Amino acid sequence: MIKHVVMVKLKQFSSHKIKLEKAKLFKLMLLDLLQKVPDLKAMEVGLNFNEKPSAYDVVLISEFESKEGLDNYRIHPEHIVVLDFLKEIMEKTAVVDYVSQ
C-alpha cells in the first residue's frame, strides 16, 4: 500500500472565517475525489486546530495500491481541478509518499 501525505498552509485571508471556509471547501473537494478517481482507495482529510504559527492548516492522508495508482491520481482531470483551487489558496505545502507496511 502507498500512502500519500500532504500538509497545506493556507494564505492569510482578510478574516479567520474566510480562511476556515476555504479550508472546508478544499476538504470537501478532496473527499469528493473518492467517488471520481478509481485508483484512490482511501482518504482522510483533517483541519488543524493548533494555533501555533508553524502549524499547517490542512492534512491529507490518502492510500493507493501502487505507485502507478498514485501517478494516475496525480494526473486525473478531477484531481487537477482540486490542484487548481489549491494553488489559489495555499501559501506552501509539504508532501511525503511512502510504502506502508
PDB file of N, CA and C in Angstrom:
ATOM      1  N   MET A   1       0.844  -1.178   0.000  1.00  0.00           N
ATOM      2  CA  MET A   1       0.000   0.000   0.000  1.00  0.00           C
ATOM      3  C   MET A   1       0.891   1.243   0.000  1.00  0.00           C
ATOM      4  N   ILE A   2       0.499   2.231  -0.790  1.00  0.00           N
ATOM      5  CA  ILE A   2       1.213   3.505  -0.864  1.00  0.00           C
ATOM      6  C   ILE A   2       0.411   4.554  -0.096  1.00  0.00           C
ATOM      7  N   LYS A   3       1.102   5.296   0.750  1.00  0.00           N
ATOM      8  CA  LYS A   3       0.480   6.411   1.481  1.00  0.00           C
ATOM      9  C   LYS A   3       1.009   7.724   0.887  1.00  0.00           C
ATOM     10  N   HIS A   4       0.104   8.646   0.678  1.00  0.00           N
ATOM     11  CA  HIS A   4       0.413   9.971   0.144  1.00  0.00           C
ATOM     12  C   HIS A   4      -0.075  10.968   1.183  1.00  0.00           C
ATOM     13  N   VAL A   5       0.851  11.706   1.798  1.00  0.00           N
ATOM     14  CA  VAL A   5       0.526  12.645   2.864  1.00  0.00           C
ATOM     15  C   VAL A   5       0.876  14.057   2.392  1.00  0.00           C
ATOM     16  N   VAL A   6      -0.086  14.954   2.508  1.00  0.00           N
ATOM     17  CA  VAL A   6       0.123  16.348   2.109  1.00  0.00           C
ATOM     18  C   VAL A   6      -0.324  17.249   3.253  1.00  0.00           C
ATOM     19  N   MET A   7       0.525  18.196   3.605  1.00  0.00           N
ATOM     20  CA  MET A   7       0.156  19.231   4.567  1.00  0.00           C
ATOM     21  C   MET A   7       0.118  20.558   3.827  1.00  0.00           C
ATOM     22  N   VAL A   8      -0.920  21.342   4.096  1.00  0.00           N
ATOM     23  CA  VAL A   8      -1.123  22.605   3.393  1.00  0.00           C
ATOM     24  C   VAL A   8      -1.218  23.745   4.399  1.00  0.00           C
ATOM     25  N   LYS A   9      -0.430  24.765   4.141  1.00  0.00           N
ATOM     26  CA  LYS A   9      -0.545  26.013   4.907  1.00  0.00           C
ATOM     27  C   LYS A   9      -1.245  27.003   3.981  1.00  0.00           C
ATOM     28  N   LEU A  10      -2.393  27.492   4.421  1.00  0.00           N
ATOM     29  CA  LEU A  10      -3.165  28.414   3.605  1.00  0.00           C
ATOM     30  C   LEU A  10      -2.629  29.833   3.706  1.00  0.00           C
ATOM     31  N   LYS A  11      -2.930  30.610   2.667  1.00  0.00           N
ATOM     32  CA  LYS A  11      -2.608  32.032   2.684  1.00  0.00           C
ATOM     33  C   LYS A  11      -3.395  32.702   3.816  1.00  0.00           C
ATOM     34  N   GLN A  12      -2.937  33.873   4.199  1.00  0.00           N
ATOM     35  CA  GLN A  12      -3.712  34.682   5.145  1.00  0.00           C
ATOM     36  C   GLN A  12      -4.834  35.362   4.370  1.00  0.00           C
ATOM     37  N   PHE A  13      -6.028  35.253   4.879  1.00  0.00           N
ATOM     38  CA  PHE A  13      -7.178  35.909   4.268  1.00  0.00           C
ATOM     39  C   PHE A  13      -7.612  37.054   5.167  1.00  0.00           C
ATOM     40  N   SER A  14      -8.582  37.827   4.727  1.00  0.00           N
ATOM     41  CA  SER A  14      -8.995  39.016   5.474  1.00  0.00           C
ATOM     42  C   SER A  14      -9.611  38.685   6.830  1.00  0.00           C
ATOM     43  N   SER A  15     -10.062  37.424   7.004  1.00  0.00           N
ATOM     44  CA  SER A  15     -10.585  37.021   8.302  1.00  0.00           C
ATOM     45  C   SER A  15     -10.357  35.522   8.502  1.00  0.00           C
ATOM     46  N   HIS A  16     -10.376  35.113   9.768  1.00  0.00           N
ATOM     47  CA  HIS A  16     -10.248  33.693  10.084  1.00  0.00           C
ATOM     48  C   HIS A  16     -11.424  32.913   9.512  1.00  0.00           C
ATOM     49  N   LYS A  17     -12.600  33.532   9.508  1.00  0.00           N
ATOM     50  CA  LYS A  17     -13.802  32.877   8.981  1.00  0.00           C
ATOM     51  C   LYS A  17     -13.636  32.518   7.505  1.00  0.00           C
ATOM     52  N   ILE A  18     -13.102  33.433   6.715  1.00  0.00           N
ATOM     53  CA  ILE A  18     -12.888  33.165   5.290  1.00  0.00           C
ATOM     54  C   ILE A  18     -11.864  32.052   5.109  1.00  0.00           C
ATOM     55  N   LYS A  19     -10.790  32.094   5.900  1.00  0.00           N
ATOM     56  CA  LYS A  19      -9.767  31.050   5.826  1.00  0.00           C
ATOM     57  C   LYS A  19     -10.375  29.685   6.143  1.00  0.00           C
ATOM     58  N   LEU A  20     -11.203  29.614   7.166  1.00  0.00           N
ATOM     59  CA  LEU A  20     -11.847  28.362   7.543  1.00  0.00           C
ATOM     60  C   LEU A  20     -12.801  27.882   6.452  1.00  0.00           C
ATOM     61  N   GLU A  21     -13.525  28.794   5.830  1.00  0.00           N
ATOM     62  CA  GLU A  21     -14.423  28.427   4.728  1.00  0.00           C
ATOM     63  C   GLU A  21     -13.639  27.840   3.564  1.00  0.00           C
ATOM     64  N   LYS A  22     -12.496  28.432   3.235  1.00  0.00           N
ATOM     65  CA  LYS A  22     -11.639  27.914   2.156  1.00  0.00           C
ATOM     66  C   LYS A  22     -11.131  26.521   2.510  1.00  0.00           C
ATOM     67  N   ALA A  23     -10.717  26.328   3.754  1.00  0.00           N
ATOM     68  CA  ALA A  23     -10.221  25.026   4.197  1.00  0.00           C
ATOM     69  C   ALA A  23     -11.321  23.967   4.117  1.00  0.00           C
ATOM     70  N   LYS A  24     -12.520  24.317   4.539  1.00  0.00           N
ATOM     71  CA  LYS A  24     -13.641  23.368   4.499  1.00  0.00           C
ATOM     72  C   LYS A  24     -14.013  23.011   3.060  1.00  0.00           C
ATOM     73  N   LEU A  25     -14.017  23.986   2.174  1.00  0.00           N
ATOM     74  CA  LEU A  25     -14.311  23.714   0.772  1.00  0.00           C
ATOM     75  C   LEU A  25     -13.242  22.807   0.167  1.00  0.00           C
ATOM     76  N   PHE A  26     -11.987  23.081   0.472  1.00  0.00           N
ATOM     77  CA  PHE A  26     -10.887  22.253  -0.009  1.00  0.00           C
ATOM     78  C   PHE A  26     -11.054  20.813   0.479  1.00  0.00           C
ATOM     79  N   LYS A  27     -11.412  20.647   1.742  1.00  0.00           N
ATOM     80  CA  LYS A  27     -11.638  19.311   2.299  1.00  0.00           C
ATOM     81  C   LYS A  27     -12.748  18.591   1.532  1.00  0.00           C
ATOM     82  N   LEU A  28     -13.862  19.256   1.297  1.00  0.00           N
ATOM     83  CA  LEU A  28     -14.969  18.632   0.561  1.00  0.00           C
ATOM     84  C   LEU A  28     -14.559  18.248  -0.855  1.00  0.00           C
ATOM     85  N   MET A  29     -13.797  19.112  -1.503  1.00  0.00           N
ATOM     86  CA  MET A  29     -13.330  18.812  -2.859  1.00  0.00           C
ATOM     87  C   MET A  29     -12.437  17.571  -2.864  1.00  0.00           C
ATOM     88  N   LEU A  30     -11.553  17.478  -1.865  1.00  0.00           N
ATOM     89  CA  LEU A  30     -10.675  16.309  -1.776  1.00  0.00           C
ATOM     90  C   LEU A  30     -11.481  15.036  -1.540  1.00  0.00           C
ATOM     91  N   LEU A  31     -12.375  15.069  -0.579  1.00  0.00           N
ATOM     92  CA  LEU A  31     -13.157  13.872  -0.259  1.00  0.00           C
ATOM     93  C   LEU A  31     -14.034  13.436  -1.426  1.00  0.00           C
ATOM     94  N   ASP A  32     -14.474  14.380  -2.230  1.00  0.00           N
ATOM     95  CA  ASP A  32     -15.272  14.067  -3.410  1.00  0.00           C
ATOM     96  C   ASP A  32     -14.478  13.237  -4.420  1.00  0.00           C
ATOM     97  N   LEU A  33     -13.168  13.348  -4.383  1.00  0.00           N
ATOM     98  CA  LEU A  33     -12.321  12.572  -5.306  1.00  0.00           C
ATOM     99  C   LEU A  33     -12.458  11.067  -5.082  1.00  0.00           C
ATOM    100  N   LEU A  34     -12.852  10.656  -3.887  1.00  0.00           N
ATOM    101  CA  LEU A  34     -13.047   9.229  -3.613  1.00  0.00           C
ATOM    102  C   LEU A  34     -14.059   8.606  -4.567  1.00  0.00           C
ATOM    103  N   GLN A  35     -15.033   9.387  -5.007  1.00  0.00           N
ATOM    104  CA  GLN A  35     -16.069   8.896  -5.922  1.00  0.00           C
ATOM    105  C   GLN A  35     -15.657   9.032  -7.385  1.00  0.00           C
ATOM    106  N   LYS A  36     -14.589   9.772  -7.646  1.00  0.00           N
ATOM    107  CA  LYS A  36     -14.243  10.119  -9.024  1.00  0.00           C
ATOM    108  C   LYS A  36     -12.937   9.521  -9.537  1.00  0.00           C
ATOM    109  N   VAL A  37     -12.049   9.128  -8.629  1.00  0.00           N
ATOM    110  CA  VAL A  37     -10.729   8.641  -9.033  1.00  0.00           C
ATOM    111  C   VAL A  37     -10.600   7.170  -8.633  1.00  0.00           C
ATOM    112  N   PRO A  38     -10.677   6.258  -9.596  1.00  0.00           N
ATOM    113  CA  PRO A  38     -10.689   4.827  -9.280  1.00  0.00           C
ATOM    114  C   PRO A  38      -9.457   4.331  -8.502  1.00  0.00           C
ATOM    115  N   ASP A  39      -8.292   4.914  -8.754  1.00  0.00           N
ATOM    116  CA  ASP A  39      -7.074   4.446  -8.082  1.00  0.00           C
ATOM    117  C   ASP A  39      -6.972   4.903  -6.631  1.00  0.00           C
ATOM    118  N   LEU A  40      -7.787   5.853  -6.228  1.00  0.00           N
ATOM    119  CA  LEU A  40      -7.789   6.362  -4.858  1.00  0.00           C
ATOM    120  C   LEU A  40      -8.592   5.406  -3.982  1.00  0.00           C
ATOM    121  N   LYS A  41      -7.923   4.703  -3.084  1.00  0.00           N
ATOM    122  CA  LYS A  41      -8.565   3.659  -2.285  1.00  0.00           C
ATOM    123  C   LYS A  41      -9.131   4.171  -0.958  1.00  0.00           C
ATOM    124  N   ALA A  42      -8.483   5.149  -0.358  1.00  0.00           N
ATOM    125  CA  ALA A  42      -8.949   5.705   0.915  1.00  0.00           C
ATOM    126  C   ALA A  42      -8.363   7.105   1.073  1.00  0.00           C
ATOM    127  N   MET A  43      -9.080   7.928   1.860  1.00  0.00           N
ATOM    128  CA  MET A  43      -8.598   9.282   2.092  1.00  0.00           C
ATOM    129  C   MET A  43      -9.129   9.789   3.430  1.00  0.00           C
ATOM    130  N   GLU A  44      -8.263  10.479   4.134  1.00  0.00           N
ATOM    131  CA  GLU A  44      -8.636  11.177   5.356  1.00  0.00           C
ATOM    132  C   GLU A  44      -8.138  12.607   5.215  1.00  0.00           C
ATOM    133  N   VAL A  45      -8.985  13.564   5.554  1.00  0.00           N
ATOM    134  CA  VAL A  45      -8.610  14.976   5.488  1.00  0.00           C
ATOM    135  C   VAL A  45      -8.923  15.599   6.831  1.00  0.00           C
ATOM    136  N   GLY A  46      -7.932  16.242   7.423  1.00  0.00           N
ATOM    137  CA  GLY A  46      -8.117  16.884   8.721  1.00  0.00           C
ATOM    138  C   GLY A  46      -7.858  18.373   8.655  1.00  0.00           C
ATOM    139  N   LEU A  47      -8.640  19.125   9.439  1.00  0.00           N
ATOM    140  CA  LEU A  47      -8.439  20.569   9.571  1.00  0.00           C
ATOM    141  C   LEU A  47      -7.799  20.844  10.917  1.00  0.00           C
ATOM    142  N   ASN A  48      -6.732  21.573  10.903  1.00  0.00           N
ATOM    143  CA  ASN A  48      -5.941  21.854  12.098  1.00  0.00           C
ATOM    144  C   ASN A  48      -6.670  22.791  13.068  1.00  0.00           C
ATOM    145  N   PHE A  49      -6.481  22.546  14.368  1.00  0.00           N
ATOM    146  CA  PHE A  49      -6.979  23.477  15.378  1.00  0.00           C
ATOM    147  C   PHE A  49      -5.839  24.112  16.170  1.00  0.00           C
ATOM    148  N   ASN A  50      -4.600  23.697  15.918  1.00  0.00           N
ATOM    149  CA  ASN A  50      -3.427  24.237  16.592  1.00  0.00           C
ATOM    150  C   ASN A  50      -3.156  25.648  16.064  1.00  0.00           C
ATOM    151  N   GLU A  51      -3.008  26.604  16.944  1.00  0.00           N
ATOM    152  CA  GLU A  51      -2.851  27.998  16.536  1.00  0.00           C
ATOM    153  C   GLU A  51      -1.401  28.466  16.459  1.00  0.00           C
ATOM    154  N   LYS A  52      -0.445  27.562  16.611  1.00  0.00           N
ATOM    155  CA  LYS A  52       0.963  27.951  16.513  1.00  0.00           C
ATOM    156  C   LYS A  52       1.279  28.424  15.094  1.00  0.00           C
ATOM    157  N   PRO A  53       2.123  29.423  14.958  1.00  0.00           N
ATOM    158  CA  PRO A  53       2.475  29.926  13.625  1.00  0.00           C
ATOM    159  C   PRO A  53       3.108  28.859  12.710  1.00  0.00           C
ATOM    160  N   SER A  54       3.760  27.886  13.293  1.00  0.00           N
ATOM    161  CA  SER A  54       4.412  26.846  12.487  1.00  0.00           C
ATOM    162  C   SER A  54       3.442  25.768  12.000  1.00  0.00           C
ATOM    163  N   ALA A  55       2.222  25.768  12.505  1.00  0.00           N
ATOM    164  CA  ALA A  55       1.252  24.728  12.169  1.00  0.00           C
ATOM    165  C   ALA A  55       0.723  24.900  10.751  1.00  0.00           C
ATOM    166  N   TYR A  56       0.472  23.774  10.101  1.00  0.00           N
ATOM    167  CA  TYR A  56      -0.197  23.760   8.803  1.00  0.00           C
ATOM    168  C   TYR A  56      -1.706  23.725   9.054  1.00  0.00           C
ATOM    169  N   ASP A  57      -2.488  24.057   8.034  1.00  0.00           N
ATOM    170  CA  ASP A  57      -3.935  24.192   8.199  1.00  0.00           C
ATOM    171  C   ASP A  57      -4.731  22.947   7.832  1.00  0.00           C
ATOM    172  N   VAL A  58      -4.255  22.189   6.855  1.00  0.00           N
ATOM    173  CA  VAL A  58      -4.976  21.022   6.360  1.00  0.00           C
ATOM    174  C   VAL A  58      -3.977  19.879   6.169  1.00  0.00           C
ATOM    175  N   VAL A  59      -4.409  18.673   6.512  1.00  0.00           N
ATOM    176  CA  VAL A  59      -3.590  17.495   6.226  1.00  0.00           C
ATOM    177  C   VAL A  59      -4.444  16.489   5.463  1.00  0.00           C
ATOM    178  N   LEU A  60      -3.826  15.866   4.485  1.00  0.00           N
ATOM    179  CA  LEU A  60      -4.463  14.846   3.662  1.00  0.00           C
ATOM    180  C   LEU A  60      -3.634  13.579   3.762  1.00  0.00           C
ATOM    181  N   ILE A  61      -4.298  12.456   4.030  1.00  0.00           N
ATOM    182  CA  ILE A  61      -3.637  11.152   4.011  1.00  0.00           C
ATOM    183  C   ILE A  61      -4.455  10.281   3.065  1.00  0.00           C
ATOM    184  N   SER A  62      -3.845   9.873   1.970  1.00  0.00           N
ATOM    185  CA  SER A  62      -4.565   9.050   1.000  1.00  0.00           C
ATOM    186  C   SER A  62      -3.799   7.762   0.748  1.00  0.00           C
ATOM    187  N   GLU A  63      -4.527   6.748   0.253  1.00  0.00           N
ATOM    188  CA  GLU A  63      -3.945   5.420   0.039  1.00  0.00           C
ATOM    189  C   GLU A  63      -4.189   4.944  -1.384  1.00  0.00           C
ATOM    190  N   PHE A  64      -3.168   4.262  -1.904  1.00  0.00           N
ATOM    191  CA  PHE A  64      -3.197   3.698  -3.245  1.00  0.00           C
ATOM    192  C   PHE A  64      -2.588   2.303  -3.191  1.00  0.00           C
ATOM    193  N   GLU A  65      -3.009   1.450  -4.094  1.00  0.00           N
ATOM    194  CA  GLU A  65      -2.475   0.094  -4.121  1.00  0.00           C
ATOM    195  C   GLU A  65      -1.049   0.038  -4.661  1.00  0.00           C
ATOM    196  N   SER A  66      -0.680   1.035  -5.470  1.00  0.00           N
ATOM    197  CA  SER A  66       0.645   1.010  -6.098  1.00  0.00           C
ATOM    198  C   SER A  66       1.109   2.429  -6.406  1.00  0.00           C
ATOM    199  N   LYS A  67       2.383   2.548  -6.735  1.00  0.00           N
ATOM    200  CA  LYS A  67       2.930   3.834  -7.159  1.00  0.00           C
ATOM    201  C   LYS A  67       2.254   4.278  -8.449  1.00  0.00           C
ATOM    202  N   GLU A  68       1.929   3.338  -9.306  1.00  0.00           N
ATOM    203  CA  GLU A  68       1.248   3.657 -10.561  1.00  0.00           C
ATOM    204  C   GLU A  68      -0.131   4.268 -10.277  1.00  0.00           C
ATOM    205  N   GLY A  69      -0.823   3.733  -9.259  1.00  0.00           N
ATOM    206  CA  GLY A  69      -2.110   4.299  -8.871  1.00  0.00           C
ATOM    207  C   GLY A  69      -1.972   5.741  -8.406  1.00  0.00           C
ATOM    208  N   LEU A  70      -0.926   6.009  -7.626  1.00  0.00           N
ATOM    209  CA  LEU A  70      -0.651   7.380  -7.177  1.00  0.00           C
ATOM    210  C   LEU A  70      -0.345   8.275  -8.372  1.00  0.00           C
ATOM    211  N   ASP A  71       0.452   7.770  -9.310  1.00  0.00           N
ATOM    212  CA  ASP A  71       0.778   8.543 -10.512  1.00  0.00           C
ATOM    213  C   ASP A  71      -0.480   8.854 -11.321  1.00  0.00           C
ATOM    214  N   ASN A  72      -1.391   7.885 -11.431  1.00  0.00           N
ATOM    215  CA  ASN A  72      -2.649   8.099 -12.149  1.00  0.00           C
ATOM    216  C   ASN A  72      -3.507   9.152 -11.454  1.00  0.00           C
ATOM    217  N   TYR A  73      -3.526   9.123 -10.132  1.00  0.00           N
ATOM    218  CA  TYR A  73      -4.260  10.109  -9.334  1.00  0.00           C
ATOM    219  C   TYR A  73      -3.729  11.511  -9.612  1.00  0.00           C
ATOM    220  N   ARG A  74      -2.425  11.643  -9.641  1.00  0.00           N
ATOM    221  CA  ARG A  74      -1.804  12.963  -9.824  1.00  0.00           C
ATOM    222  C   ARG A  74      -2.219  13.632 -11.130  1.00  0.00           C
ATOM    223  N   ILE A  75      -2.467  12.840 -12.167  1.00  0.00           N
ATOM    224  CA  ILE A  75      -2.802  13.412 -13.476  1.00  0.00           C
ATOM    225  C   ILE A  75      -4.297  13.306 -13.816  1.00  0.00           C
ATOM    226  N   HIS A  76      -5.078  12.747 -12.913  1.00  0.00           N
ATOM    227  CA  HIS A  76      -6.517  12.603 -13.166  1.00  0.00           C
ATOM    228  C   HIS A  76      -7.148  13.991 -13.297  1.00  0.00           C
ATOM    229  N   PRO A  77      -8.003  14.199 -14.306  1.00  0.00           N
ATOM    230  CA  PRO A  77      -8.610  15.532 -14.524  1.00  0.00           C
ATOM    231  C   PRO A  77      -9.347  16.089 -13.307  1.00  0.00           C
ATOM    232  N   GLU A  78     -10.019  15.249 -12.540  1.00  0.00           N
ATOM    233  CA  GLU A  78     -10.733  15.737 -11.346  1.00  0.00           C
ATOM    234  C   GLU A  78      -9.756  16.196 -10.269  1.00  0.00           C
ATOM    235  N   HIS A  79      -8.615  15.533 -10.164  1.00  0.00           N
ATOM    236  CA  HIS A  79      -7.580  15.940  -9.212  1.00  0.00           C
ATOM    237  C   HIS A  79      -6.965  17.270  -9.642  1.00  0.00           C
ATOM    238  N   ILE A  80      -6.802  17.445 -10.938  1.00  0.00           N
ATOM    239  CA  ILE A  80      -6.232  18.701 -11.455  1.00  0.00           C
ATOM    240  C   ILE A  80      -7.132  19.883 -11.073  1.00  0.00           C
ATOM    241  N   VAL A  81      -8.444  19.704 -11.103  1.00  0.00           N
ATOM    242  CA  VAL A  81      -9.375  20.762 -10.693  1.00  0.00           C
ATOM    243  C   VAL A  81      -9.116  21.155  -9.235  1.00  0.00           C
ATOM    244  N   VAL A  82      -8.919  20.156  -8.381  1.00  0.00           N
ATOM    245  CA  VAL A  82      -8.642  20.416  -6.963  1.00  0.00           C
ATOM    246  C   VAL A  82      -7.289  21.123  -6.816  1.00  0.00           C
ATOM    247  N   LEU A  83      -6.296  20.693  -7.577  1.00  0.00           N
ATOM    248  CA  LEU A  83      -4.980  21.348  -7.525  1.00  0.00           C
ATOM    249  C   LEU A  83      -5.063  22.813  -7.942  1.00  0.00           C
ATOM    250  N   ASP A  84      -5.873  23.102  -8.952  1.00  0.00           N
ATOM    251  CA  ASP A  84      -6.024  24.488  -9.389  1.00  0.00           C
ATOM    252  C   ASP A  84      -6.599  25.349  -8.261  1.00  0.00           C
ATOM    253  N   PHE A  85      -7.587  24.814  -7.540  1.00  0.00           N
ATOM    254  CA  PHE A  85      -8.140  25.541  -6.395  1.00  0.00           C
ATOM    255  C   PHE A  85      -7.075  25.701  -5.304  1.00  0.00           C
ATOM    256  N   LEU A  86      -6.327  24.638  -5.062  1.00  0.00           N
ATOM    257  CA  LEU A  86      -5.271  24.678  -4.050  1.00  0.00           C
ATOM    258  C   LEU A  86      -4.267  25.793  -4.351  1.00  0.00           C
ATOM    259  N   LYS A  87      -3.880  25.931  -5.594  1.00  0.00           N
ATOM    260  CA  LYS A  87      -2.910  26.962  -5.976  1.00  0.00           C
ATOM    261  C   LYS A  87      -3.412  28.364  -5.629  1.00  0.00           C
ATOM    262  N   GLU A  88      -4.729  28.556  -5.635  1.00  0.00           N
ATOM    263  CA  GLU A  88      -5.316  29.855  -5.315  1.00  0.00           C
ATOM    264  C   GLU A  88      -5.278  30.158  -3.814  1.00  0.00           C
ATOM    265  N   ILE A  89      -5.305  29.119  -2.982  1.00  0.00           N
ATOM    266  CA  ILE A  89      -5.478  29.343  -1.542  1.00  0.00           C
ATOM    267  C   ILE A  89      -4.254  29.015  -0.701  1.00  0.00           C
ATOM    268  N   MET A  90      -3.242  28.380  -1.270  1.00  0.00           N
ATOM    269  CA  MET A  90      -2.128  27.903  -0.448  1.00  0.00           C
ATOM    270  C   MET A  90      -0.979  28.895  -0.382  1.00  0.00           C
ATOM    271  N   GLU A  91      -0.310  28.842   0.760  1.00  0.00           N
ATOM    272  CA  GLU A  91       0.960  29.542   0.927  1.00  0.00           C
ATOM    273  C   GLU A  91       2.094  28.574   0.611  1.00  0.00           C
ATOM    274  N   LYS A  92       1.998  27.351   1.187  1.00  0.00           N
ATOM    275  CA  LYS A  92       3.010  26.329   0.929  1.00  0.00           C
ATOM    276  C   LYS A  92       2.444  24.957   1.288  1.00  0.00           C
ATOM    277  N   THR A  93       3.130  23.934   0.789  1.00  0.00           N
ATOM    278  CA  THR A  93       2.748  22.555   1.085  1.00  0.00           C
ATOM    279  C   THR A  93       3.988  21.744   1.436  1.00  0.00           C
ATOM    280  N   ALA A  94       3.740  20.610   2.076  1.00  0.00           N
ATOM    281  CA  ALA A  94       4.776  19.609   2.334  1.00  0.00           C
ATOM    282  C   ALA A  94       4.165  18.253   1.978  1.00  0.00           C
ATOM    283  N   VAL A  95       4.948  17.394   1.337  1.00  0.00           N
ATOM    284  CA  VAL A  95       4.437  16.115   0.861  1.00  0.00           C
ATOM    285  C   VAL A  95       5.389  14.987   1.258  1.00  0.00           C
ATOM    286  N   VAL A  96       4.797  13.850   1.630  1.00  0.00           N
ATOM    287  CA  VAL A  96       5.560  12.623   1.867  1.00  0.00           C
ATOM    288  C   VAL A  96       4.790  11.483   1.211  1.00  0.00           C
ATOM    289  N   ASP A  97       5.478  10.675   0.409  1.00  0.00           N
ATOM    290  CA  ASP A  97       4.923   9.445  -0.158  1.00  0.00           C
ATOM    291  C   ASP A  97       5.761   8.293   0.355  1.00  0.00           C
ATOM    292  N   TYR A  98       5.093   7.219   0.837  1.00  0.00           N
ATOM    293  CA  TYR A  98       5.865   6.092   1.351  1.00  0.00           C
ATOM    294  C   TYR A  98       5.091   4.795   1.191  1.00  0.00           C
ATOM    295  N   VAL A  99       5.819   3.693   1.300  1.00  0.00           N
ATOM    296  CA  VAL A  99       5.220   2.366   1.258  1.00  0.00           C
ATOM    297  C   VAL A  99       4.830   1.993   2.675  1.00  0.00           C
ATOM    298  N   SER A 100       3.558   1.698   2.862  1.00  0.00           N
ATOM    299  CA  SER A 100       3.036   1.317   4.175  1.00  0.00           C
ATOM    300  C   SER A 100       3.213  -0.178   4.382  1.00  0.00           C
ATOM    301  N   GLN A 101       3.561  -0.564   5.593  1.00  0.00           N
ATOM    302  CA  GLN A 101       3.769  -1.991   5.909  1.00  0.00           C
ATOM    303  C   GLN A 101       2.489  -2.667   6.290  1.00  0.00           C
TER     304      GLN A 101
END
